[in-house]
Amino acid sequence: MTGEQLKQIVGSIDEQKLAAILASGARIEDVVEAKALANGKSDVVGQGEQVIRGPVKEVLIILTAGKSDHDLIPQQQT
């Protein structure tokens, strides 16, 4: 995966996070899943907690680093 491919998936990202994700060895599929989880748009059935492992977890931690809990809670549209 290249830096440009990663930017297409996650959008604007600082260089440190970009480098960390690239160094993680995550595949494109892992980044897509982590991005969906970070945005609250996961394709996982059910509302319960889920166990996230491996590269997806690592990318999710990188993507959400420095964000407050409020930033991570999807906002209801009115």
N, C-alpha and C. Protein backbone atom coordinates (compact mmCIF):
# COMPACT_ATOMS: atom_id res chain seq x y z
N MET A 1 0.86 -1.16 0.00
CA MET A 1 0.00 0.00 0.00
C MET A 1 0.91 1.23 0.00
N THR A 2 0.52 2.22 -0.77
CA THR A 2 1.29 3.46 -0.84
C THR A 2 0.64 4.54 0.02
N GLY A 3 1.39 5.59 0.27
CA GLY A 3 0.86 6.72 1.02
C GLY A 3 -0.33 7.35 0.32
N GLU A 4 -0.28 7.41 -1.00
CA GLU A 4 -1.39 7.99 -1.76
C GLU A 4 -2.65 7.13 -1.64
N GLN A 5 -2.50 5.81 -1.70
CA GLN A 5 -3.65 4.92 -1.53
C GLN A 5 -4.25 5.11 -0.15
N LEU A 6 -3.39 5.22 0.85
CA LEU A 6 -3.85 5.40 2.22
C LEU A 6 -4.61 6.71 2.37
N LYS A 7 -4.11 7.78 1.78
CA LYS A 7 -4.79 9.08 1.85
C LYS A 7 -6.15 9.02 1.16
N GLN A 8 -6.28 8.24 0.10
CA GLN A 8 -7.57 8.10 -0.57
C GLN A 8 -8.59 7.42 0.33
N ILE A 9 -8.13 6.52 1.19
CA ILE A 9 -9.03 5.79 2.08
C ILE A 9 -9.40 6.64 3.29
N VAL A 10 -8.40 7.22 3.95
CA VAL A 10 -8.65 7.90 5.22
C VAL A 10 -8.81 9.41 5.10
N GLY A 11 -8.49 9.96 3.96
CA GLY A 11 -8.60 11.41 3.79
C GLY A 11 -7.38 12.11 4.34
N SER A 12 -7.58 13.32 4.80
CA SER A 12 -6.49 14.12 5.35
C SER A 12 -5.93 13.45 6.59
N ILE A 13 -4.62 13.26 6.61
CA ILE A 13 -3.97 12.58 7.72
C ILE A 13 -2.58 13.17 7.90
N ASP A 14 -2.14 13.33 9.16
CA ASP A 14 -0.81 13.90 9.36
C ASP A 14 0.25 12.86 9.02
N GLU A 15 1.44 13.34 8.75
CA GLU A 15 2.52 12.48 8.27
C GLU A 15 2.93 11.42 9.28
N GLN A 16 2.86 11.72 10.58
CA GLN A 16 3.21 10.73 11.59
C GLN A 16 2.24 9.56 11.58
N LYS A 17 0.96 9.85 11.50
CA LYS A 17 -0.04 8.77 11.44
C LYS A 17 0.10 7.99 10.14
N LEU A 18 0.35 8.69 9.05
CA LEU A 18 0.54 8.03 7.76
C LEU A 18 1.69 7.04 7.84
N ALA A 19 2.82 7.50 8.38
CA ALA A 19 4.00 6.63 8.49
C ALA A 19 3.72 5.46 9.42
N ALA A 20 3.01 5.70 10.52
CA ALA A 20 2.72 4.62 11.48
C ALA A 20 1.83 3.55 10.85
N ILE A 21 0.84 3.97 10.08
CA ILE A 21 -0.05 3.00 9.43
C ILE A 21 0.72 2.20 8.39
N LEU A 22 1.53 2.89 7.60
CA LEU A 22 2.33 2.19 6.58
C LEU A 22 3.29 1.20 7.24
N ALA A 23 3.87 1.58 8.38
CA ALA A 23 4.82 0.71 9.07
C ALA A 23 4.14 -0.47 9.76
N SER A 24 2.83 -0.36 9.98
CA SER A 24 2.10 -1.42 10.69
C SER A 24 1.98 -2.70 9.87
N GLY A 25 2.13 -2.58 8.58
CA GLY A 25 1.97 -3.75 7.72
C GLY A 25 0.52 -4.06 7.41
N ALA A 26 -0.38 -3.16 7.77
CA ALA A 26 -1.81 -3.37 7.52
C ALA A 26 -2.08 -3.40 6.01
N ARG A 27 -3.06 -4.20 5.64
CA ARG A 27 -3.49 -4.26 4.24
C ARG A 27 -4.57 -3.21 4.01
N ILE A 28 -4.87 -2.95 2.78
CA ILE A 28 -5.90 -1.98 2.44
C ILE A 28 -7.21 -2.35 3.12
N GLU A 29 -7.56 -3.62 3.14
CA GLU A 29 -8.80 -4.08 3.76
C GLU A 29 -8.83 -3.75 5.26
N ASP A 30 -7.66 -3.86 5.91
CA ASP A 30 -7.57 -3.55 7.34
C ASP A 30 -7.83 -2.06 7.57
N VAL A 31 -7.27 -1.22 6.72
CA VAL A 31 -7.43 0.23 6.86
C VAL A 31 -8.88 0.62 6.61
N VAL A 32 -9.49 0.03 5.60
CA VAL A 32 -10.89 0.32 5.29
C VAL A 32 -11.77 -0.04 6.48
N GLU A 33 -11.54 -1.21 7.08
CA GLU A 33 -12.35 -1.63 8.23
C GLU A 33 -12.11 -0.72 9.43
N ALA A 34 -10.85 -0.37 9.70
CA ALA A 34 -10.53 0.51 10.82
C ALA A 34 -11.15 1.89 10.63
N LYS A 35 -11.13 2.40 9.41
CA LYS A 35 -11.72 3.70 9.12
C LYS A 35 -13.23 3.65 9.36
N ALA A 36 -13.88 2.57 8.92
CA ALA A 36 -15.32 2.42 9.15
C ALA A 36 -15.63 2.37 10.64
N LEU A 37 -14.84 1.65 11.40
CA LEU A 37 -15.04 1.58 12.85
C LEU A 37 -14.85 2.95 13.49
N ALA A 38 -13.82 3.67 13.06
CA ALA A 38 -13.55 4.99 13.62
C ALA A 38 -14.69 5.96 13.32
N ASN A 39 -15.34 5.77 12.19
CA ASN A 39 -16.45 6.64 11.78
C ASN A 39 -17.80 6.14 12.29
N GLY A 40 -17.81 5.00 12.99
CA GLY A 40 -19.06 4.45 13.48
C GLY A 40 -19.91 3.85 12.38
N LYS A 41 -19.28 3.45 11.29
CA LYS A 41 -20.02 2.93 10.14
C LYS A 41 -19.59 1.50 9.80
N SER A 42 -19.28 0.74 10.82
CA SER A 42 -18.84 -0.64 10.61
C SER A 42 -19.98 -1.47 10.05
N ASP A 43 -19.64 -2.48 9.30
CA ASP A 43 -20.62 -3.38 8.70
C ASP A 43 -20.88 -4.59 9.60
N VAL A 44 -20.53 -4.46 10.88
CA VAL A 44 -20.71 -5.56 11.82
C VAL A 44 -22.16 -5.57 12.29
N VAL A 45 -22.77 -6.76 12.26
CA VAL A 45 -24.16 -6.91 12.66
C VAL A 45 -24.27 -6.81 14.17
N GLY A 46 -25.30 -6.14 14.66
CA GLY A 46 -25.54 -6.04 16.10
C GLY A 46 -24.97 -4.78 16.68
N GLN A 47 -25.41 -4.47 17.87
CA GLN A 47 -24.99 -3.24 18.54
C GLN A 47 -24.02 -3.49 19.67
N GLY A 48 -23.71 -4.75 19.99
CA GLY A 48 -22.84 -5.06 21.12
C GLY A 48 -21.39 -4.75 20.83
N GLU A 49 -20.58 -4.89 21.88
CA GLU A 49 -19.16 -4.67 21.72
C GLU A 49 -18.58 -5.79 20.87
N GLN A 50 -17.51 -5.46 20.18
CA GLN A 50 -16.85 -6.46 19.35
C GLN A 50 -15.36 -6.47 19.66
N VAL A 51 -14.73 -7.61 19.46
CA VAL A 51 -13.31 -7.74 19.68
C VAL A 51 -12.61 -7.40 18.37
N ILE A 52 -11.72 -6.44 18.45
CA ILE A 52 -10.97 -6.02 17.27
C ILE A 52 -9.52 -6.42 17.50
N ARG A 53 -8.97 -7.13 16.56
CA ARG A 53 -7.61 -7.67 16.73
C ARG A 53 -6.71 -7.30 15.57
N GLY A 54 -5.44 -7.52 15.79
CA GLY A 54 -4.45 -7.44 14.74
C GLY A 54 -4.29 -6.07 14.11
N PRO A 55 -4.02 -6.07 12.80
CA PRO A 55 -3.75 -4.82 12.09
C PRO A 55 -4.92 -3.84 12.14
N VAL A 56 -6.15 -4.34 12.14
CA VAL A 56 -7.31 -3.45 12.20
C VAL A 56 -7.27 -2.66 13.50
N LYS A 57 -6.99 -3.34 14.61
CA LYS A 57 -6.91 -2.67 15.91
C LYS A 57 -5.79 -1.65 15.92
N GLU A 58 -4.64 -2.02 15.39
CA GLU A 58 -3.50 -1.11 15.36
C GLU A 58 -3.81 0.15 14.56
N VAL A 59 -4.43 -0.01 13.39
CA VAL A 59 -4.78 1.14 12.56
C VAL A 59 -5.86 1.97 13.25
N LEU A 60 -6.82 1.33 13.86
CA LEU A 60 -7.88 2.06 14.58
C LEU A 60 -7.28 2.92 15.69
N ILE A 61 -6.34 2.38 16.42
CA ILE A 61 -5.68 3.15 17.49
C ILE A 61 -4.94 4.35 16.90
N ILE A 62 -4.26 4.14 15.78
CA ILE A 62 -3.53 5.24 15.14
C ILE A 62 -4.50 6.31 14.66
N LEU A 63 -5.57 5.89 14.01
CA LEU A 63 -6.53 6.85 13.46
C LEU A 63 -7.22 7.67 14.54
N THR A 64 -7.47 7.06 15.69
CA THR A 64 -8.23 7.75 16.73
C THR A 64 -7.35 8.41 17.78
N ALA A 65 -6.04 8.26 17.67
CA ALA A 65 -5.13 8.87 18.64
C ALA A 65 -5.31 10.39 18.63
N GLY A 66 -5.44 10.94 19.82
CA GLY A 66 -5.57 12.38 19.95
C GLY A 66 -6.99 12.90 19.81
N LYS A 67 -7.94 12.02 19.57
CA LYS A 67 -9.34 12.44 19.47
C LYS A 67 -10.03 12.21 20.81
N SER A 68 -10.92 13.11 21.18
CA SER A 68 -11.67 12.94 22.42
C SER A 68 -12.81 11.94 22.19
N ASP A 69 -13.37 11.43 23.27
CA ASP A 69 -14.51 10.52 23.16
C ASP A 69 -15.65 11.17 22.39
N HIS A 70 -15.85 12.47 22.60
CA HIS A 70 -16.91 13.19 21.90
C HIS A 70 -16.71 13.14 20.38
N ASP A 71 -15.44 13.24 19.95
CA ASP A 71 -15.14 13.19 18.52
C ASP A 71 -15.43 11.82 17.92
N LEU A 72 -15.40 10.78 18.75
CA LEU A 72 -15.54 9.42 18.26
C LEU A 72 -16.97 8.92 18.26
N ILE A 73 -17.89 9.67 18.89
CA ILE A 73 -19.28 9.26 18.95
C ILE A 73 -20.01 9.84 17.73
N PRO A 74 -20.59 8.97 16.89
CA PRO A 74 -21.31 9.49 15.72
C PRO A 74 -22.45 10.41 16.16
N GLN A 75 -22.58 11.53 15.54
CA GLN A 75 -23.61 12.50 15.86
C GLN A 75 -24.89 12.17 15.10
N GLN A 76 -26.02 12.29 15.79
CA GLN A 76 -27.32 12.05 15.16
C GLN A 76 -27.64 13.21 14.23
N GLN A 77 -28.10 12.88 13.05
CA GLN A 77 -28.52 13.93 12.12
C GLN A 77 -29.98 14.23 12.36
N THR A 78 -30.33 15.51 12.30
CA THR A 78 -31.72 15.89 12.54
C THR A 78 -32.35 16.36 11.27
